[in-house]
Amino acid sequence: MDSKQHDRNTGALSPYRVLDLTDEKGFLCGRMLAVMGAEVIKVEPPCGDRARAFPPFYKDDPHPEKSLYYLAYNANKKSITLDIESRDGQDILKRLVKTADFLVESFKPGYMDELGLGYADLSRINPGIIMTSISPFGQTGPYHDYNSSELMCAAMSGHMFITGDPDRPPVHISIPQAYSLGSAEALIATMAAHYYRRQTGEGQHVDVSIREAMIKTTVNTIPMWENKGMITERGGQFWMLRGEKQRVLWPCKDGAVSFGMHGGGFGAKTNRELVKWMDSEGMASDYLKNMDWENLDMETAPQDLYDELSDSIIRFFRTHTKMELSREALARGIMLAPVQTIADISGSQQLEARVFWEDVEYPRLKDTIKYPGAFIKSSESSCRRTAPAPYKGQHNEDIYIRELGITGEDLVILKGAGVI
């Protein structure tokens, strides 16, 4: 049985060790494990992780220790360098596996097995080890050994088909959502395996497909087909219904707000309150004021009727800022929300009240960088405060000399041989 007890002051996973052998496909999984208190050791090749060359860079200086991408996804981790393709490197990793509770990797399926570092090999060394493998298509199936990218995972999941404007090709959103979702699913699956280990003492191999994680983002399209025989199309700022457009993003004085004009009893209260507000400012047409909202069926309403309603609302929204609209909508019980920018989020009073942001000091940069803080809050165990991402091989001496007992002389030899 797993008998480790967590320290509630340093996180739910504070006694546990993770070996993080991921690239950008799995960075976020290790990052979240570290925030939850685990000791996460990032195992990089001797030349450093390739993501250290990913932009954007701190003050646009393309230096391997200044990649903001790398700094974002690898905070709270330790870093050691190791060539796991070398015999000595494999032996060292196996020694670390003896003390590890988790190993997370994102190599091409079969690669770890070829090196003698697959789950079957590592579980003989440590029967309780949980090995989580993150790959584009999973460890099995006809696609398992295909090369891929974040873009391809998004495209092959169906997510891109419903993203973008209806009169233009599918688009890819500007953040690596597929890799982020794959990492998040890997975290959940790893914790499920950890719970099983707590009950049985047995480790296991967790197989995560990034494409399959992304497919779940299309779950809202399934009821449309099952109930109505409709294939959900791209709508951009509109909800496409029976080939007709119903606006969900509305322009206002300083940006946009999200608002859905629903019919029947569900939407009647919101619509009626909005018209009252518009009328108080002399902007509600007789058409709006006389509308029978309870009996309006938006699924069968003709496009010209919807356009007549929305034109008046757009003119009204354009006279207000998104925060003015948001505050008044909240007071009146209207279902409306501002479309916030990153600047809006950074200045959010709600996030400030929850102490969400953390200023992390980077001595090497002689500066601090603002990070999002804990993604969960728990009454029984806190998440760990954000610590700076490590520089390449920062913890080599701590792990290799102080823990594994490798002498300084041998460490120099290993470095010279390109093992470390």
Protein backbone atom coordinates (compact mmCIF):
# COMPACT_ATOMS: atom_id res chain seq x y z
CA MET A 1 0.00 0.00 0.00
CA ASP A 2 1.03 3.58 -0.59
CA SER A 3 1.75 4.85 2.92
CA LYS A 4 3.03 8.35 2.15
CA GLN A 5 1.32 11.18 3.98
CA HIS A 6 1.07 14.64 2.47
CA ASP A 7 2.11 17.84 4.16
CA ARG A 8 -0.97 20.08 4.08
CA ASN A 9 1.30 23.14 4.10
CA THR A 10 3.13 22.23 0.90
CA GLY A 11 0.43 20.55 -1.14
CA ALA A 12 -1.54 17.35 -1.52
CA LEU A 13 1.27 15.66 -3.45
CA SER A 14 4.15 17.01 -1.37
CA PRO A 15 5.74 13.64 -0.51
CA TYR A 16 5.68 12.36 -4.10
CA ARG A 17 8.32 12.52 -6.82
CA VAL A 18 7.68 12.91 -10.55
CA LEU A 19 10.18 12.35 -13.34
CA ASP A 20 9.04 14.65 -16.16
CA LEU A 21 10.37 13.51 -19.53
CA THR A 22 7.82 15.45 -21.57
CA ASP A 23 8.26 17.99 -24.30
CA GLU A 24 5.66 20.68 -25.02
CA LYS A 25 2.96 18.01 -25.44
CA GLY A 26 3.03 17.28 -21.72
CA PHE A 27 4.64 20.27 -19.98
CA LEU A 28 1.39 21.34 -18.35
CA CYS A 29 0.80 17.95 -16.73
CA GLY A 30 4.07 18.17 -14.82
CA ARG A 31 3.45 21.83 -14.07
CA MET A 32 0.12 21.05 -12.38
CA LEU A 33 1.57 18.11 -10.47
CA ALA A 34 4.24 20.48 -9.17
CA VAL A 35 1.66 23.10 -8.17
CA MET A 36 -0.12 20.36 -6.21
CA GLY A 37 3.05 19.81 -4.23
CA ALA A 38 4.90 17.02 -5.99
CA GLU A 39 8.64 17.22 -6.49
CA VAL A 40 8.84 17.35 -10.29
CA ILE A 41 12.23 16.71 -11.83
CA LYS A 42 12.41 17.85 -15.45
CA VAL A 43 14.77 15.50 -17.31
CA GLU A 44 16.27 17.42 -20.23
CA PRO A 45 18.78 16.31 -22.86
CA PRO A 46 22.28 17.69 -22.24
CA CYS A 47 21.70 20.37 -24.88
CA GLY A 48 18.54 21.50 -23.06
CA ASP A 49 14.88 21.09 -23.88
CA ARG A 50 14.08 22.33 -27.38
CA ALA A 51 11.24 24.46 -25.99
CA ARG A 52 13.86 26.75 -24.48
CA ALA A 53 14.12 28.14 -28.02
CA PHE A 54 10.37 28.80 -28.33
CA PRO A 55 9.20 32.43 -28.50
CA PRO A 56 8.14 34.77 -27.06
CA PHE A 57 11.28 35.74 -25.19
CA TYR A 58 11.82 38.00 -22.21
CA LYS A 59 12.44 41.49 -23.65
CA ASP A 60 12.72 39.84 -27.10
CA ASP A 61 16.14 38.40 -26.26
CA PRO A 62 16.31 34.95 -27.95
CA HIS A 63 18.25 33.30 -25.15
CA PRO A 64 17.58 29.68 -24.02
CA GLU A 65 17.00 30.86 -20.44
CA LYS A 66 14.58 33.61 -21.52
CA SER A 67 11.84 31.72 -23.36
CA LEU A 68 8.63 32.90 -21.72
CA TYR A 69 6.93 29.82 -23.17
CA TYR A 70 9.34 27.57 -21.31
CA LEU A 71 9.24 29.66 -18.15
CA ALA A 72 5.43 29.52 -18.13
CA TYR A 73 5.05 25.77 -18.45
CA ASN A 74 7.97 24.64 -16.31
CA ALA A 75 7.70 26.73 -13.16
CA ASN A 76 7.97 24.83 -9.86
CA LYS A 77 10.09 22.10 -11.44
CA LYS A 78 13.69 21.04 -10.90
CA SER A 79 15.98 20.45 -13.89
CA ILE A 80 18.59 17.80 -14.54
CA THR A 81 20.27 17.02 -17.84
CA LEU A 82 20.59 13.43 -19.00
CA ASP A 83 21.07 11.57 -22.27
CA ILE A 84 18.70 8.65 -21.85
CA GLU A 85 19.87 7.13 -25.15
CA SER A 86 23.28 6.39 -23.62
CA ARG A 87 23.85 3.30 -21.50
CA ASP A 88 25.07 5.38 -18.56
CA GLY A 89 22.10 7.70 -18.91
CA GLN A 90 19.69 4.78 -18.86
CA ASP A 91 21.33 3.36 -15.75
CA ILE A 92 21.05 6.73 -13.99
CA LEU A 93 17.39 7.11 -14.93
CA LYS A 94 16.65 3.63 -13.59
CA ARG A 95 18.26 4.60 -10.29
CA LEU A 96 15.96 7.63 -10.15
CA VAL A 97 12.94 5.45 -10.97
CA LYS A 98 13.55 3.55 -7.73
CA THR A 99 12.74 6.72 -5.78
CA ALA A 100 10.01 8.04 -8.10
CA ASP A 101 6.25 7.71 -7.78
CA PHE A 102 5.34 8.95 -11.26
CA LEU A 103 7.02 9.21 -14.64
CA VAL A 104 5.41 11.34 -17.33
CA GLU A 105 6.68 11.14 -20.91
CA SER A 106 5.60 12.28 -24.35
CA PHE A 107 7.95 10.47 -26.71
CA LYS A 108 6.79 8.66 -29.82
CA PRO A 109 5.07 5.38 -28.83
CA GLY A 110 7.59 2.57 -28.58
CA TYR A 111 10.61 4.84 -28.06
CA MET A 112 10.91 4.18 -24.33
CA ASP A 113 10.54 0.43 -24.91
CA GLU A 114 13.38 0.53 -27.46
CA LEU A 115 15.62 2.08 -24.80
CA GLY A 116 14.68 -0.52 -22.21
CA LEU A 117 12.78 2.17 -20.31
CA GLY A 118 9.21 1.15 -21.10
CA TYR A 119 6.61 0.49 -18.44
CA ALA A 120 7.39 -3.24 -18.30
CA ASP A 121 11.05 -2.45 -17.68
CA LEU A 122 10.48 0.28 -15.10
CA SER A 123 7.77 -1.59 -13.19
CA ARG A 124 10.25 -4.39 -12.54
CA ILE A 125 12.47 -1.81 -10.84
CA ASN A 126 9.59 -0.09 -9.03
CA PRO A 127 6.27 -2.02 -9.06
CA GLY A 128 4.42 1.03 -7.76
CA ILE A 129 5.54 3.40 -10.51
CA ILE A 130 2.80 5.13 -12.48
CA MET A 131 3.98 5.86 -16.01
CA THR A 132 1.84 8.32 -17.96
CA SER A 133 2.43 8.45 -21.71
CA ILE A 134 1.09 11.43 -23.65
CA SER A 135 1.04 11.13 -27.43
CA PRO A 136 -0.99 12.51 -30.34
CA PHE A 137 -2.95 9.31 -31.07
CA GLY A 138 -2.23 7.01 -28.14
CA GLN A 139 0.00 3.97 -27.75
CA THR A 140 -2.09 1.66 -29.95
CA GLY A 141 -4.12 1.72 -33.16
CA PRO A 142 -3.17 2.29 -36.82
CA TYR A 143 -2.22 5.93 -36.17
CA HIS A 144 -0.12 5.33 -33.04
CA ASP A 145 3.27 5.84 -34.73
CA TYR A 146 2.24 8.76 -36.95
CA ASN A 147 4.14 12.01 -36.56
CA SER A 148 1.89 14.87 -35.60
CA SER A 149 1.72 18.41 -34.21
CA GLU A 150 -0.59 20.47 -32.04
CA LEU A 151 -2.24 21.83 -35.18
CA MET A 152 -2.86 18.33 -36.53
CA CYS A 153 -4.33 17.13 -33.23
CA ALA A 154 -6.75 20.07 -33.29
CA ALA A 155 -7.66 19.44 -36.93
CA MET A 156 -8.15 15.68 -36.60
CA SER A 157 -10.31 16.08 -33.49
CA GLY A 158 -13.03 17.92 -35.42
CA HIS A 159 -12.52 21.01 -33.27
CA MET A 160 -11.24 23.13 -36.14
CA PHE A 161 -14.24 22.28 -38.31
CA ILE A 162 -16.51 24.22 -35.95
CA THR A 163 -14.03 27.05 -35.27
CA GLY A 164 -14.05 30.19 -37.39
CA ASP A 165 -16.43 32.07 -39.65
CA PRO A 166 -18.95 30.23 -41.83
CA ASP A 167 -17.75 31.83 -45.07
CA ARG A 168 -14.08 31.12 -44.44
CA PRO A 169 -11.92 27.98 -43.94
CA PRO A 170 -11.57 26.36 -40.49
CA VAL A 171 -9.16 28.14 -38.16
CA HIS A 172 -6.79 27.16 -35.37
CA ILE A 173 -6.95 29.20 -32.18
CA SER A 174 -3.74 30.94 -31.22
CA ILE A 175 -2.87 28.95 -28.08
CA PRO A 176 -1.88 25.26 -27.87
CA GLN A 177 -5.26 24.09 -26.62
CA ALA A 178 -4.81 20.51 -27.80
CA TYR A 179 -1.58 20.07 -25.83
CA SER A 180 -3.10 21.83 -22.82
CA LEU A 181 -6.17 19.58 -22.84
CA GLY A 182 -4.04 16.49 -23.38
CA SER A 183 -1.94 17.48 -20.35
CA ALA A 184 -5.02 18.19 -18.25
CA GLU A 185 -6.49 14.80 -19.13
CA ALA A 186 -3.14 13.20 -18.32
CA LEU A 187 -3.23 14.83 -14.89
CA ILE A 188 -6.72 13.49 -14.19
CA ALA A 189 -5.82 10.00 -15.41
CA THR A 190 -2.61 10.03 -13.38
CA MET A 191 -4.52 10.97 -10.24
CA ALA A 192 -7.02 8.17 -10.90
CA ALA A 193 -4.12 5.73 -11.19
CA HIS A 194 -2.68 7.19 -7.98
CA TYR A 195 -5.98 6.59 -6.17
CA TYR A 196 -5.94 2.97 -7.40
CA ARG A 197 -2.37 2.62 -6.17
CA ARG A 198 -3.38 3.95 -2.76
CA GLN A 199 -5.94 1.15 -2.55
CA THR A 200 -3.87 -1.70 -4.01
CA GLY A 201 -0.21 -0.70 -3.95
CA GLU A 202 -0.03 -1.36 -7.70
CA GLY A 203 1.26 1.04 -10.32
CA GLN A 204 0.07 1.13 -13.92
CA HIS A 205 0.67 2.54 -17.39
CA VAL A 206 -1.60 5.47 -18.30
CA ASP A 207 -2.13 6.00 -22.04
CA VAL A 208 -3.37 9.48 -23.07
CA SER A 209 -4.26 10.49 -26.63
CA ILE A 210 -4.19 14.25 -27.25
CA ARG A 211 -6.53 13.89 -30.21
CA GLU A 212 -9.07 12.01 -28.10
CA ALA A 213 -8.86 14.69 -25.40
CA MET A 214 -9.64 17.32 -28.05
CA ILE A 215 -12.55 15.34 -29.46
CA LYS A 216 -14.35 15.97 -26.17
CA THR A 217 -14.47 19.69 -27.06
CA THR A 218 -16.94 18.81 -29.82
CA VAL A 219 -19.38 17.08 -27.46
CA ASN A 220 -22.02 19.80 -27.97
CA THR A 221 -22.28 18.86 -31.64
CA ILE A 222 -23.51 15.34 -30.88
CA PRO A 223 -26.99 16.27 -29.55
CA MET A 224 -27.55 18.46 -32.64
CA TRP A 225 -27.14 15.40 -34.84
CA GLU A 226 -28.93 12.96 -32.55
CA ASN A 227 -31.93 15.24 -31.93
CA LYS A 228 -32.21 17.22 -35.15
CA GLY A 229 -30.10 15.42 -37.76
CA MET A 230 -28.00 18.58 -38.13
CA ILE A 231 -24.26 18.88 -38.61
CA THR A 232 -22.98 21.82 -36.58
CA GLU A 233 -21.28 24.34 -38.84
CA ARG A 234 -18.81 27.11 -38.13
CA GLY A 235 -20.61 30.19 -36.91
CA GLY A 236 -17.92 32.64 -35.83
CA GLN A 237 -19.76 35.26 -33.79
CA PHE A 238 -23.08 33.62 -34.65
CA TRP A 239 -24.92 30.49 -33.60
CA MET A 240 -25.82 28.65 -36.82
CA LEU A 241 -29.31 27.15 -36.60
CA ARG A 242 -30.99 25.57 -39.61
CA GLY A 243 -28.60 27.51 -41.82
CA GLU A 244 -29.67 30.81 -40.24
CA LYS A 245 -27.53 33.09 -38.08
CA GLN A 246 -28.24 34.11 -34.51
CA ARG A 247 -25.70 36.42 -32.92
CA VAL A 248 -23.89 35.41 -29.73
CA LEU A 249 -21.12 38.04 -29.77
CA TRP A 250 -22.31 41.65 -29.90
CA PRO A 251 -20.21 44.75 -30.55
CA CYS A 252 -20.28 47.48 -27.94
CA LYS A 253 -18.51 50.77 -27.26
CA ASP A 254 -15.14 49.27 -26.28
CA GLY A 255 -15.22 45.66 -27.40
CA ALA A 256 -17.86 42.97 -27.32
CA VAL A 257 -20.26 41.17 -25.02
CA SER A 258 -21.70 37.68 -25.08
CA PHE A 259 -25.48 37.58 -25.19
CA GLY A 260 -27.93 34.99 -26.51
CA MET A 261 -31.43 35.92 -27.55
CA HIS A 262 -33.45 32.90 -26.52
CA GLY A 263 -37.15 32.33 -26.98
CA GLY A 264 -39.82 30.79 -24.79
CA GLY A 265 -39.90 30.95 -21.02
CA PHE A 266 -36.15 30.47 -20.79
CA GLY A 267 -35.33 33.71 -22.58
CA ALA A 268 -38.45 35.75 -21.89
CA LYS A 269 -37.28 37.30 -18.61
CA THR A 270 -33.89 38.32 -19.98
CA ASN A 271 -35.34 39.72 -23.19
CA ARG A 272 -38.09 41.63 -21.40
CA GLU A 273 -35.65 43.15 -18.90
CA LEU A 274 -33.34 44.18 -21.72
CA VAL A 275 -36.19 45.91 -23.56
CA LYS A 276 -37.19 47.75 -20.35
CA TRP A 277 -33.62 48.96 -20.00
CA MET A 278 -33.51 50.06 -23.63
CA ASP A 279 -36.86 51.82 -23.26
CA SER A 280 -35.59 53.74 -20.21
CA GLU A 281 -32.96 55.23 -22.51
CA GLY A 282 -35.38 55.83 -25.38
CA MET A 283 -33.89 53.10 -27.58
CA ALA A 284 -36.59 50.39 -27.58
CA SER A 285 -38.66 50.17 -30.74
CA ASP A 286 -42.39 49.41 -30.63
CA TYR A 287 -41.53 46.15 -32.35
CA LEU A 288 -39.40 45.10 -29.37
CA LYS A 289 -41.85 46.36 -26.75
CA ASN A 290 -44.78 44.46 -28.30
CA MET A 291 -42.93 41.17 -28.83
CA ASP A 292 -44.55 38.08 -27.28
CA TRP A 293 -41.32 36.67 -25.86
CA GLU A 294 -42.87 33.63 -24.16
CA ASN A 295 -44.24 32.35 -27.44
CA LEU A 296 -41.24 33.23 -29.57
CA ASP A 297 -39.56 30.07 -30.87
CA MET A 298 -36.06 31.02 -32.00
CA GLU A 299 -35.63 27.66 -33.71
CA THR A 300 -38.42 28.39 -36.17
CA ALA A 301 -38.23 32.19 -36.28
CA PRO A 302 -37.41 33.51 -39.79
CA GLN A 303 -34.13 35.32 -40.34
CA ASP A 304 -35.79 38.66 -41.06
CA LEU A 305 -37.57 38.63 -37.68
CA TYR A 306 -34.33 37.87 -35.88
CA ASP A 307 -32.51 40.59 -37.83
CA GLU A 308 -35.17 43.12 -36.88
CA LEU A 309 -34.73 42.27 -33.20
CA SER A 310 -30.94 42.20 -33.24
CA ASP A 311 -30.46 45.46 -35.18
CA SER A 312 -32.09 47.46 -32.38
CA ILE A 313 -30.10 45.65 -29.71
CA ILE A 314 -26.81 46.25 -31.52
CA ARG A 315 -27.50 49.98 -31.71
CA PHE A 316 -28.17 50.00 -27.96
CA PHE A 317 -25.09 47.96 -27.03
CA ARG A 318 -22.88 50.30 -29.08
CA THR A 319 -23.79 53.19 -26.74
CA HIS A 320 -22.30 51.43 -23.70
CA THR A 321 -19.00 49.93 -22.63
CA LYS A 322 -18.84 46.24 -21.89
CA MET A 323 -18.48 46.87 -18.14
CA GLU A 324 -21.48 49.22 -18.14
CA LEU A 325 -23.48 46.53 -19.89
CA SER A 326 -22.19 43.85 -17.54
CA ARG A 327 -22.98 45.75 -14.33
CA GLU A 328 -26.50 46.71 -15.38
CA ALA A 329 -27.22 43.25 -16.77
CA LEU A 330 -26.23 41.75 -13.42
CA ALA A 331 -28.54 44.15 -11.58
CA ARG A 332 -31.44 43.37 -13.91
CA GLY A 333 -30.92 39.59 -14.15
CA ILE A 334 -29.99 39.67 -17.84
CA MET A 335 -27.83 36.81 -19.15
CA LEU A 336 -24.90 38.81 -20.54
CA ALA A 337 -21.14 38.73 -20.00
CA PRO A 338 -18.23 40.89 -21.18
CA VAL A 339 -15.71 39.43 -23.61
CA GLN A 340 -12.60 40.17 -21.62
CA THR A 341 -9.13 40.89 -22.90
CA ILE A 342 -5.94 39.71 -21.22
CA ALA A 343 -5.60 43.21 -19.77
CA ASP A 344 -9.11 42.91 -18.30
CA ILE A 345 -8.26 39.57 -16.73
CA SER A 346 -4.99 40.87 -15.34
CA GLY A 347 -6.86 43.69 -13.60
CA SER A 348 -9.82 41.59 -12.44
CA GLN A 349 -11.02 42.47 -8.94
CA GLN A 350 -12.38 38.94 -8.54
CA LEU A 351 -8.99 37.37 -9.27
CA GLU A 352 -7.27 39.90 -7.04
CA ALA A 353 -9.65 39.09 -4.18
CA ARG A 354 -8.81 35.39 -4.56
CA VAL A 355 -5.08 36.16 -4.63
CA PHE A 356 -4.85 34.46 -8.00
CA TRP A 357 -1.80 36.26 -9.37
CA GLU A 358 1.70 35.70 -8.05
CA ASP A 359 4.81 37.77 -8.72
CA VAL A 360 7.71 35.36 -9.19
CA GLU A 361 11.24 36.64 -8.84
CA TYR A 362 13.81 35.62 -11.45
CA PRO A 363 17.25 36.58 -10.11
CA ARG A 364 18.90 35.80 -13.44
CA LEU A 365 16.57 38.27 -15.17
CA LYS A 366 16.76 40.73 -12.28
CA ASP A 367 13.00 41.02 -12.58
CA THR A 368 9.70 39.51 -11.51
CA ILE A 369 7.15 37.84 -13.76
CA LYS A 370 3.44 37.63 -13.01
CA TYR A 371 2.06 34.08 -13.02
CA PRO A 372 -1.41 32.64 -12.56
CA GLY A 373 -1.45 30.99 -9.16
CA ALA A 374 -3.11 27.83 -7.86
CA PHE A 375 -5.78 26.36 -10.12
CA ILE A 376 -7.61 24.86 -7.12
CA LYS A 377 -8.16 25.90 -3.53
CA SER A 378 -8.61 23.22 -0.89
CA SER A 379 -9.46 23.42 2.79
CA GLU A 380 -7.19 20.48 3.63
CA SER A 381 -4.05 21.12 1.59
CA SER A 382 -2.77 24.23 -0.11
CA CYS A 383 -1.18 24.36 -3.51
CA ARG A 384 2.45 25.30 -3.67
CA ARG A 385 3.36 28.91 -4.41
CA THR A 386 4.86 29.44 -7.82
CA ALA A 387 8.63 29.08 -7.97
CA PRO A 388 10.71 30.14 -10.99
CA ALA A 389 11.32 27.68 -13.80
CA PRO A 390 14.80 26.17 -13.47
CA TYR A 391 17.70 26.94 -15.72
CA LYS A 392 19.16 24.01 -17.63
CA GLY A 393 20.71 21.45 -15.29
CA GLN A 394 20.21 23.65 -12.25
CA HIS A 395 19.75 20.66 -9.94
CA ASN A 396 22.37 18.31 -11.39
CA GLU A 397 24.61 18.47 -8.34
CA ASP A 398 21.69 18.13 -5.91
CA ILE A 399 20.41 14.98 -7.60
CA TYR A 400 23.56 13.36 -8.93
CA ILE A 401 26.11 14.14 -6.20
CA ARG A 402 24.11 14.68 -3.02
CA GLU A 403 21.40 12.10 -3.70
CA LEU A 404 22.82 9.43 -5.98
CA GLY A 405 26.35 9.71 -4.60
CA ILE A 406 28.06 10.27 -7.95
CA THR A 407 31.44 11.86 -7.24
CA GLY A 408 32.37 15.24 -8.60
CA GLU A 409 35.10 13.60 -10.65
CA ASP A 410 32.69 11.12 -12.20
CA LEU A 411 30.23 13.92 -12.88
CA VAL A 412 32.91 15.73 -14.88
CA ILE A 413 33.59 12.53 -16.84
CA LEU A 414 29.87 12.06 -17.55
CA LYS A 415 29.61 15.65 -18.72
CA GLY A 416 32.60 15.20 -20.97
CA ALA A 417 31.02 12.10 -22.48
CA GLY A 418 27.79 13.99 -23.17
CA VAL A 419 25.76 11.86 -20.76
CA ILE A 420 24.91 14.82 -18.49
